[in-house]
Amino acid sequence: MARGFIVVALLAASLAACDARRIEKLEEGFSNESDVRGQFGEPTVEQRLADGSLRLEYTRQPEGHVNYEIVIGPDGKMASLRQLLTPANFARLQAGATQAQVRQALGAPGKVQAFPLKAEEVWEWRFLDGQESKLFWATFDKDGRLTTTTTVQDPRNTAS
């Protein structure tokens, strides 16, 4: 069990290092869509926004700790690159939000679990709070509305 955890931890660290090098090569206001795709590849999600911008989502879930959102402005230049899985971003979520709104705010969950007897669905993201790996859970009711959120320690941190 410990050996498997070490392999997963090394893989996650390797991805984080690669992402840092990719990000260093991009600059807001100068890099274009081609530059972004050259560094990050094809996005998990590609969405055209009302203002003509292009939203590209890159997830490192379920084993990584990040979901990136990169916006290409109407001028074709990178307008922003941000990590979506942060405690501050989680705090913005309000009860009653739709699954689509939560998905837009946080990117793809790493895991989705349905609880039919409770008429609930729980989405899970792994993220870093400082150097500590944690899990963020969003619970939705039968209508797909956010009811509660929870942050817990990543159980893989306590495995021995």
N, C-alpha and C. Protein backbone atom coordinates (compact mmCIF):
# COMPACT_ATOMS: atom_id res chain seq x y z
N MET A 1 0.82 -1.19 0.00
CA MET A 1 0.00 0.00 0.00
C MET A 1 0.88 1.26 0.00
N ALA A 2 1.92 1.28 0.84
CA ALA A 2 2.80 2.43 0.91
C ALA A 2 3.52 2.66 -0.41
N ARG A 3 3.92 1.58 -1.08
CA ARG A 3 4.61 1.69 -2.36
C ARG A 3 3.71 2.37 -3.39
N GLY A 4 2.43 1.98 -3.45
CA GLY A 4 1.48 2.60 -4.38
C GLY A 4 1.32 4.08 -4.10
N PHE A 5 1.25 4.45 -2.82
CA PHE A 5 1.12 5.86 -2.45
C PHE A 5 2.34 6.65 -2.91
N ILE A 6 3.52 6.08 -2.76
CA ILE A 6 4.76 6.76 -3.17
C ILE A 6 4.75 6.99 -4.68
N VAL A 7 4.33 6.00 -5.45
CA VAL A 7 4.27 6.15 -6.90
C VAL A 7 3.31 7.26 -7.29
N VAL A 8 2.13 7.28 -6.66
CA VAL A 8 1.14 8.32 -6.95
C VAL A 8 1.69 9.70 -6.57
N ALA A 9 2.34 9.79 -5.42
CA ALA A 9 2.91 11.07 -4.97
C ALA A 9 3.99 11.55 -5.93
N LEU A 10 4.84 10.66 -6.40
CA LEU A 10 5.89 11.04 -7.35
C LEU A 10 5.29 11.50 -8.68
N LEU A 11 4.25 10.81 -9.14
CA LEU A 11 3.58 11.20 -10.37
C LEU A 11 2.95 12.58 -10.24
N ALA A 12 2.27 12.84 -9.12
CA ALA A 12 1.65 14.14 -8.90
C ALA A 12 2.71 15.24 -8.84
N ALA A 13 3.82 14.99 -8.17
CA ALA A 13 4.90 15.97 -8.09
C ALA A 13 5.50 16.24 -9.46
N SER A 14 5.63 15.20 -10.25
CA SER A 14 6.15 15.36 -11.61
C SER A 14 5.23 16.22 -12.46
N LEU A 15 3.92 15.98 -12.36
CA LEU A 15 2.95 16.80 -13.11
C LEU A 15 3.04 18.26 -12.69
N ALA A 16 3.14 18.50 -11.38
CA ALA A 16 3.21 19.87 -10.87
C ALA A 16 4.45 20.57 -11.41
N ALA A 17 5.58 19.88 -11.44
CA ALA A 17 6.81 20.48 -11.96
C ALA A 17 6.68 20.79 -13.45
N CYS A 18 6.08 19.88 -14.19
CA CYS A 18 5.86 20.11 -15.63
C CYS A 18 4.95 21.31 -15.85
N ASP A 19 3.88 21.39 -15.06
CA ASP A 19 2.95 22.51 -15.19
C ASP A 19 3.65 23.84 -14.91
N ALA A 20 4.49 23.87 -13.91
CA ALA A 20 5.20 25.11 -13.57
C ALA A 20 6.07 25.56 -14.74
N ARG A 21 6.74 24.63 -15.39
CA ARG A 21 7.57 24.98 -16.56
C ARG A 21 6.70 25.47 -17.72
N ARG A 22 5.55 24.84 -17.90
CA ARG A 22 4.64 25.27 -18.97
C ARG A 22 4.13 26.68 -18.71
N ILE A 23 3.73 26.93 -17.49
CA ILE A 23 3.18 28.25 -17.13
C ILE A 23 4.23 29.34 -17.32
N GLU A 24 5.47 29.05 -16.97
CA GLU A 24 6.56 30.04 -17.13
C GLU A 24 6.71 30.50 -18.57
N LYS A 25 6.33 29.66 -19.51
CA LYS A 25 6.51 29.98 -20.92
C LYS A 25 5.34 30.78 -21.50
N LEU A 26 4.31 31.03 -20.68
CA LEU A 26 3.14 31.77 -21.14
C LEU A 26 3.06 33.12 -20.43
N GLU A 27 2.57 34.11 -21.16
CA GLU A 27 2.45 35.45 -20.57
C GLU A 27 1.11 36.06 -20.95
N GLU A 28 0.38 36.50 -19.91
CA GLU A 28 -0.91 37.15 -20.16
C GLU A 28 -0.71 38.37 -21.04
N GLY A 29 -1.61 38.53 -22.00
CA GLY A 29 -1.56 39.68 -22.90
C GLY A 29 -0.65 39.49 -24.10
N PHE A 30 0.18 38.45 -24.10
CA PHE A 30 1.11 38.21 -25.20
C PHE A 30 0.95 36.83 -25.83
N SER A 31 0.86 35.79 -24.98
CA SER A 31 0.71 34.43 -25.51
C SER A 31 -0.64 34.29 -26.19
N ASN A 32 -0.70 33.44 -27.21
CA ASN A 32 -1.96 33.23 -27.92
C ASN A 32 -2.44 31.79 -27.72
N GLU A 33 -3.56 31.47 -28.33
CA GLU A 33 -4.15 30.13 -28.18
C GLU A 33 -3.18 29.04 -28.62
N SER A 34 -2.47 29.27 -29.70
CA SER A 34 -1.52 28.30 -30.19
C SER A 34 -0.40 28.05 -29.17
N ASP A 35 0.06 29.12 -28.52
CA ASP A 35 1.09 28.99 -27.48
C ASP A 35 0.57 28.13 -26.32
N VAL A 36 -0.68 28.41 -25.90
CA VAL A 36 -1.28 27.66 -24.79
C VAL A 36 -1.40 26.18 -25.15
N ARG A 37 -1.94 25.90 -26.33
CA ARG A 37 -2.10 24.50 -26.74
C ARG A 37 -0.74 23.83 -26.91
N GLY A 38 0.26 24.59 -27.33
CA GLY A 38 1.61 24.04 -27.46
C GLY A 38 2.18 23.62 -26.12
N GLN A 39 1.84 24.33 -25.07
CA GLN A 39 2.34 24.00 -23.73
C GLN A 39 1.47 22.97 -23.01
N PHE A 40 0.15 23.11 -23.11
CA PHE A 40 -0.76 22.26 -22.33
C PHE A 40 -1.46 21.18 -23.14
N GLY A 41 -1.41 21.26 -24.47
CA GLY A 41 -2.10 20.27 -25.29
C GLY A 41 -3.57 20.61 -25.44
N GLU A 42 -4.36 19.60 -25.74
CA GLU A 42 -5.80 19.80 -25.93
C GLU A 42 -6.49 19.92 -24.57
N PRO A 43 -7.39 20.87 -24.44
CA PRO A 43 -8.07 21.05 -23.15
C PRO A 43 -9.11 19.96 -22.89
N THR A 44 -9.43 19.80 -21.62
CA THR A 44 -10.50 18.89 -21.20
C THR A 44 -11.84 19.43 -21.68
N VAL A 45 -11.99 20.76 -21.56
CA VAL A 45 -13.22 21.45 -21.97
C VAL A 45 -12.82 22.71 -22.72
N GLU A 46 -13.57 23.01 -23.75
CA GLU A 46 -13.38 24.22 -24.54
C GLU A 46 -14.75 24.89 -24.63
N GLN A 47 -14.83 26.16 -24.21
CA GLN A 47 -16.13 26.84 -24.16
C GLN A 47 -16.01 28.27 -24.69
N ARG A 48 -16.86 28.61 -25.64
CA ARG A 48 -16.90 29.97 -26.16
C ARG A 48 -17.79 30.79 -25.23
N LEU A 49 -17.29 31.90 -24.73
CA LEU A 49 -18.03 32.76 -23.81
C LEU A 49 -18.77 33.86 -24.57
N ALA A 50 -19.75 34.47 -23.91
CA ALA A 50 -20.61 35.47 -24.55
C ALA A 50 -19.83 36.65 -25.14
N ASP A 51 -18.71 37.00 -24.51
CA ASP A 51 -17.93 38.15 -24.98
C ASP A 51 -16.97 37.80 -26.12
N GLY A 52 -17.03 36.54 -26.58
CA GLY A 52 -16.15 36.10 -27.66
C GLY A 52 -14.87 35.45 -27.17
N SER A 53 -14.64 35.47 -25.87
CA SER A 53 -13.47 34.81 -25.31
C SER A 53 -13.61 33.30 -25.41
N LEU A 54 -12.49 32.61 -25.31
CA LEU A 54 -12.47 31.16 -25.33
C LEU A 54 -11.93 30.68 -23.99
N ARG A 55 -12.72 29.86 -23.30
CA ARG A 55 -12.32 29.29 -22.00
C ARG A 55 -11.81 27.88 -22.24
N LEU A 56 -10.56 27.63 -21.84
CA LEU A 56 -9.95 26.31 -21.96
C LEU A 56 -9.73 25.77 -20.55
N GLU A 57 -10.16 24.55 -20.34
CA GLU A 57 -10.00 23.94 -19.02
C GLU A 57 -9.05 22.77 -19.12
N TYR A 58 -8.09 22.74 -18.19
CA TYR A 58 -7.12 21.65 -18.10
C TYR A 58 -7.18 21.09 -16.70
N THR A 59 -7.57 19.82 -16.58
CA THR A 59 -7.68 19.21 -15.26
C THR A 59 -6.53 18.25 -15.00
N ARG A 60 -6.14 18.18 -13.76
CA ARG A 60 -5.13 17.21 -13.32
C ARG A 60 -5.77 16.23 -12.33
N GLN A 61 -7.09 16.24 -12.26
CA GLN A 61 -7.83 15.33 -11.40
C GLN A 61 -7.89 13.96 -12.06
N PRO A 62 -8.00 12.86 -11.37
CA PRO A 62 -8.25 12.75 -9.94
C PRO A 62 -6.98 12.69 -9.09
N GLU A 63 -5.81 12.47 -9.68
CA GLU A 63 -4.60 12.30 -8.87
C GLU A 63 -3.85 13.60 -8.61
N GLY A 64 -3.98 14.57 -9.49
CA GLY A 64 -3.32 15.86 -9.28
C GLY A 64 -4.11 16.73 -8.33
N HIS A 65 -3.65 17.94 -8.14
CA HIS A 65 -4.27 18.85 -7.18
C HIS A 65 -4.76 20.14 -7.84
N VAL A 66 -4.81 20.18 -9.15
CA VAL A 66 -5.16 21.44 -9.82
C VAL A 66 -6.14 21.22 -10.96
N ASN A 67 -6.90 22.25 -11.22
CA ASN A 67 -7.70 22.41 -12.44
C ASN A 67 -7.39 23.82 -12.92
N TYR A 68 -6.84 23.94 -14.12
CA TYR A 68 -6.51 25.25 -14.66
C TYR A 68 -7.61 25.74 -15.59
N GLU A 69 -7.86 27.03 -15.52
CA GLU A 69 -8.74 27.70 -16.48
C GLU A 69 -7.88 28.74 -17.19
N ILE A 70 -7.82 28.63 -18.51
CA ILE A 70 -7.07 29.59 -19.31
C ILE A 70 -8.07 30.25 -20.25
N VAL A 71 -8.12 31.58 -20.20
CA VAL A 71 -9.05 32.32 -21.05
C VAL A 71 -8.26 33.04 -22.14
N ILE A 72 -8.68 32.80 -23.37
CA ILE A 72 -8.13 33.51 -24.53
C ILE A 72 -9.13 34.61 -24.87
N GLY A 73 -8.70 35.84 -24.80
CA GLY A 73 -9.60 36.97 -25.04
C GLY A 73 -10.04 37.07 -26.48
N PRO A 74 -11.02 37.94 -26.75
CA PRO A 74 -11.50 38.14 -28.13
C PRO A 74 -10.39 38.59 -29.08
N ASP A 75 -9.32 39.18 -28.51
CA ASP A 75 -8.19 39.63 -29.33
C ASP A 75 -7.23 38.48 -29.67
N GLY A 76 -7.52 37.26 -29.17
CA GLY A 76 -6.68 36.11 -29.45
C GLY A 76 -5.52 35.93 -28.49
N LYS A 77 -5.40 36.81 -27.51
CA LYS A 77 -4.30 36.73 -26.53
C LYS A 77 -4.79 36.13 -25.22
N MET A 78 -3.88 35.47 -24.51
CA MET A 78 -4.23 34.88 -23.23
C MET A 78 -4.58 36.00 -22.24
N ALA A 79 -5.82 35.99 -21.76
CA ALA A 79 -6.28 37.00 -20.84
C ALA A 79 -6.03 36.60 -19.38
N SER A 80 -6.10 35.29 -19.10
CA SER A 80 -5.86 34.83 -17.73
C SER A 80 -5.53 33.35 -17.70
N LEU A 81 -4.80 32.98 -16.67
CA LEU A 81 -4.50 31.59 -16.38
C LEU A 81 -4.62 31.47 -14.87
N ARG A 82 -5.56 30.65 -14.42
CA ARG A 82 -5.72 30.53 -12.97
C ARG A 82 -6.01 29.10 -12.55
N GLN A 83 -5.61 28.81 -11.34
CA GLN A 83 -5.85 27.53 -10.70
C GLN A 83 -7.21 27.67 -10.01
N LEU A 84 -8.15 26.79 -10.31
CA LEU A 84 -9.51 26.90 -9.80
C LEU A 84 -9.70 26.30 -8.40
N LEU A 85 -8.85 25.36 -8.03
CA LEU A 85 -9.05 24.63 -6.77
C LEU A 85 -8.31 25.29 -5.62
N THR A 86 -8.92 26.33 -5.08
CA THR A 86 -8.35 27.07 -3.96
C THR A 86 -9.40 27.24 -2.87
N PRO A 87 -8.99 27.31 -1.61
CA PRO A 87 -9.96 27.54 -0.54
C PRO A 87 -10.79 28.81 -0.76
N ALA A 88 -10.20 29.85 -1.31
CA ALA A 88 -10.95 31.09 -1.57
C ALA A 88 -12.04 30.85 -2.62
N ASN A 89 -11.73 30.07 -3.64
CA ASN A 89 -12.72 29.78 -4.68
C ASN A 89 -13.83 28.88 -4.13
N PHE A 90 -13.48 27.93 -3.28
CA PHE A 90 -14.50 27.07 -2.66
C PHE A 90 -15.46 27.92 -1.82
N ALA A 91 -14.92 28.90 -1.12
CA ALA A 91 -15.74 29.73 -0.23
C ALA A 91 -16.78 30.54 -1.00
N ARG A 92 -16.57 30.79 -2.27
CA ARG A 92 -17.53 31.57 -3.07
C ARG A 92 -18.80 30.78 -3.42
N LEU A 93 -18.74 29.47 -3.32
CA LEU A 93 -19.89 28.64 -3.68
C LEU A 93 -21.00 28.81 -2.65
N GLN A 94 -22.22 28.96 -3.13
CA GLN A 94 -23.37 29.18 -2.26
C GLN A 94 -24.37 28.04 -2.42
N ALA A 95 -25.02 27.68 -1.32
CA ALA A 95 -26.09 26.68 -1.38
C ALA A 95 -27.10 27.12 -2.43
N GLY A 96 -27.59 26.16 -3.19
CA GLY A 96 -28.54 26.46 -4.25
C GLY A 96 -27.91 26.58 -5.62
N ALA A 97 -26.59 26.67 -5.68
CA ALA A 97 -25.91 26.75 -6.98
C ALA A 97 -26.19 25.46 -7.76
N THR A 98 -26.27 25.58 -9.07
CA THR A 98 -26.50 24.41 -9.92
C THR A 98 -25.20 23.63 -10.12
N GLN A 99 -25.34 22.40 -10.58
CA GLN A 99 -24.15 21.61 -10.90
C GLN A 99 -23.33 22.31 -11.98
N ALA A 100 -24.00 22.91 -12.95
CA ALA A 100 -23.29 23.62 -14.02
C ALA A 100 -22.49 24.80 -13.45
N GLN A 101 -23.04 25.51 -12.49
CA GLN A 101 -22.33 26.65 -11.89
C GLN A 101 -21.11 26.17 -11.10
N VAL A 102 -21.27 25.09 -10.37
CA VAL A 102 -20.14 24.54 -9.60
C VAL A 102 -19.07 24.02 -10.56
N ARG A 103 -19.50 23.35 -11.60
CA ARG A 103 -18.56 22.82 -12.61
C ARG A 103 -17.78 23.95 -13.26
N GLN A 104 -18.46 25.06 -13.55
CA GLN A 104 -17.80 26.23 -14.15
C GLN A 104 -16.80 26.84 -13.17
N ALA A 105 -17.14 26.87 -11.89
CA ALA A 105 -16.28 27.49 -10.88
C ALA A 105 -15.05 26.65 -10.55
N LEU A 106 -15.19 25.32 -10.57
CA LEU A 106 -14.11 24.46 -10.09
C LEU A 106 -13.50 23.55 -11.14
N GLY A 107 -14.14 23.43 -12.28
CA GLY A 107 -13.66 22.49 -13.28
C GLY A 107 -14.14 21.09 -12.98
N ALA A 108 -13.66 20.15 -13.74
CA ALA A 108 -14.11 18.76 -13.62
C ALA A 108 -13.75 18.16 -12.27
N PRO A 109 -14.72 17.49 -11.64
CA PRO A 109 -14.40 16.80 -10.39
C PRO A 109 -13.56 15.56 -10.68
N GLY A 110 -12.79 15.16 -9.68
CA GLY A 110 -11.99 13.95 -9.82
C GLY A 110 -12.81 12.70 -9.62
N LYS A 111 -13.92 12.84 -8.90
CA LYS A 111 -14.74 11.67 -8.59
C LYS A 111 -16.17 12.14 -8.38
N VAL A 112 -17.13 11.34 -8.83
CA VAL A 112 -18.55 11.61 -8.62
C VAL A 112 -19.16 10.34 -8.04
N GLN A 113 -19.89 10.51 -6.93
CA GLN A 113 -20.54 9.38 -6.29
C GLN A 113 -22.03 9.68 -6.15
N ALA A 114 -22.86 8.73 -6.55
CA ALA A 114 -24.31 8.86 -6.40
C ALA A 114 -24.75 8.07 -5.17
N PHE A 115 -25.68 8.65 -4.41
CA PHE A 115 -26.27 8.00 -3.25
C PHE A 115 -27.79 7.98 -3.47
N PRO A 116 -28.28 7.00 -4.22
CA PRO A 116 -29.69 6.97 -4.60
C PRO A 116 -30.66 6.98 -3.43
N LEU A 117 -30.35 6.27 -2.35
CA LEU A 117 -31.27 6.23 -1.21
C LEU A 117 -31.41 7.58 -0.52
N LYS A 118 -30.39 8.39 -0.60
CA LYS A 118 -30.43 9.74 -0.02
C LYS A 118 -30.81 10.78 -1.06
N ALA A 119 -30.93 10.35 -2.32
CA ALA A 119 -31.21 11.26 -3.44
C ALA A 119 -30.17 12.38 -3.49
N GLU A 120 -28.89 11.98 -3.35
CA GLU A 120 -27.78 12.92 -3.37
C GLU A 120 -26.69 12.45 -4.32
N GLU A 121 -25.89 13.41 -4.74
CA GLU A 121 -24.70 13.13 -5.52
C GLU A 121 -23.58 13.98 -4.93
N VAL A 122 -22.41 13.38 -4.77
CA VAL A 122 -21.27 14.08 -4.18
C VAL A 122 -20.14 14.12 -5.21
N TRP A 123 -19.64 15.33 -5.45
CA TRP A 123 -18.49 15.53 -6.34
C TRP A 123 -17.27 15.79 -5.47
N GLU A 124 -16.11 15.28 -5.92
CA GLU A 124 -14.88 15.39 -5.13
C GLU A 124 -13.74 15.95 -5.96
N TRP A 125 -12.98 16.86 -5.34
CA TRP A 125 -11.76 17.40 -5.95
C TRP A 125 -10.63 17.26 -4.94
N ARG A 126 -9.47 16.89 -5.39
CA ARG A 126 -8.25 16.86 -4.57
C ARG A 126 -7.54 18.19 -4.79
N PHE A 127 -7.06 18.82 -3.71
CA PHE A 127 -6.38 20.11 -3.85
C PHE A 127 -5.34 20.26 -2.75
N LEU A 128 -4.48 21.25 -2.92
CA LEU A 128 -3.48 21.56 -1.89
C LEU A 128 -3.89 22.80 -1.12
N ASP A 129 -3.81 22.69 0.19
CA ASP A 129 -4.02 23.82 1.08
C ASP A 129 -2.65 24.04 1.73
N GLY A 130 -1.87 24.96 1.14
CA GLY A 130 -0.46 25.07 1.50
C GLY A 130 0.25 23.85 0.94
N GLN A 131 0.88 23.08 1.80
CA GLN A 131 1.56 21.85 1.38
C GLN A 131 0.73 20.61 1.69
N GLU A 132 -0.46 20.82 2.24
CA GLU A 132 -1.30 19.73 2.70
C GLU A 132 -2.34 19.33 1.66
N SER A 133 -2.40 18.04 1.33
CA SER A 133 -3.40 17.53 0.38
C SER A 133 -4.73 17.36 1.10
N LYS A 134 -5.78 17.91 0.50
CA LYS A 134 -7.12 17.82 1.08
C LYS A 134 -8.12 17.45 -0.02
N LEU A 135 -9.31 17.09 0.42
CA LEU A 135 -10.42 16.81 -0.49
C LEU A 135 -11.52 17.83 -0.25
N PHE A 136 -12.12 18.30 -1.33
CA PHE A 136 -13.28 19.18 -1.24
C PHE A 136 -14.45 18.42 -1.83
N TRP A 137 -15.55 18.36 -1.07
CA TRP A 137 -16.75 17.67 -1.51
C TRP A 137 -17.89 18.67 -1.68
N ALA A 138 -18.61 18.55 -2.77
CA ALA A 138 -19.82 19.33 -3.01
C ALA A 138 -20.98 18.33 -3.11
N THR A 139 -21.99 18.52 -2.27
CA THR A 139 -23.14 17.62 -2.25
C THR A 139 -24.33 18.30 -2.91
N PHE A 140 -24.97 17.56 -3.82
CA PHE A 140 -26.12 18.07 -4.58
C PHE A 140 -27.36 17.25 -4.26
N ASP A 141 -28.51 17.92 -4.24
CA ASP A 141 -29.78 17.23 -4.02
C ASP A 141 -30.29 16.62 -5.32
N LYS A 142 -31.48 16.05 -5.27
CA LYS A 142 -32.05 15.36 -6.44
C LYS A 142 -32.29 16.29 -7.60
N ASP A 143 -32.38 17.60 -7.35
CA ASP A 143 -32.59 18.58 -8.41
C ASP A 143 -31.27 19.14 -8.95
N GLY A 144 -30.14 18.62 -8.46
CA GLY A 144 -28.85 19.09 -8.93
C GLY A 144 -28.44 20.42 -8.34
N ARG A 145 -28.96 20.74 -7.15
CA ARG A 145 -28.62 21.99 -6.46
C ARG A 145 -27.66 21.70 -5.31
N LEU A 146 -26.69 22.58 -5.15
CA LEU A 146 -25.70 22.44 -4.09
C LEU A 146 -26.36 22.59 -2.72
N THR A 147 -26.15 21.60 -1.86
CA THR A 147 -26.71 21.68 -0.51
C THR A 147 -25.63 21.97 0.53
N THR A 148 -24.50 21.27 0.43
CA THR A 148 -23.42 21.47 1.39
C THR A 148 -22.06 21.29 0.72
N THR A 149 -21.05 21.84 1.36
CA THR A 149 -19.67 21.61 0.95
C THR A 149 -18.89 21.20 2.19
N THR A 150 -17.87 20.39 1.96
CA THR A 150 -17.05 19.89 3.06
C THR A 150 -15.61 19.81 2.60
N THR A 151 -14.70 20.15 3.48
CA THR A 151 -13.27 19.97 3.23
C THR A 151 -12.73 19.03 4.28
N VAL A 152 -12.00 18.00 3.82
CA VAL A 152 -11.44 17.01 4.74
C VAL A 152 -9.99 16.74 4.37
N GLN A 153 -9.27 16.16 5.30
CA GLN A 153 -7.90 15.72 5.02
C GLN A 153 -7.94 14.62 3.98
N ASP A 154 -6.97 14.61 3.09
CA ASP A 154 -6.85 13.54 2.11
C ASP A 154 -6.45 12.28 2.88
N PRO A 155 -7.29 11.24 2.84
CA PRO A 155 -6.96 10.02 3.62
C PRO A 155 -5.65 9.37 3.20
N ARG A 156 -5.18 9.66 2.00
CA ARG A 156 -3.89 9.10 1.56
C ARG A 156 -2.74 9.68 2.38
N ASN A 157 -2.94 10.85 2.99
CA ASN A 157 -1.88 11.44 3.81
C ASN A 157 -1.68 10.69 5.11
N THR A 158 -2.73 10.02 5.58
CA THR A 158 -2.66 9.35 6.88
C THR A 158 -2.41 7.85 6.75
N ALA A 159 -2.31 7.37 5.51
CA ALA A 159 -2.05 5.93 5.31
C ALA A 159 -0.64 5.59 5.78
N SER A 160 -0.50 4.44 6.42
CA SER A 160 0.82 4.03 6.87
C SER A 160 1.23 2.72 6.29
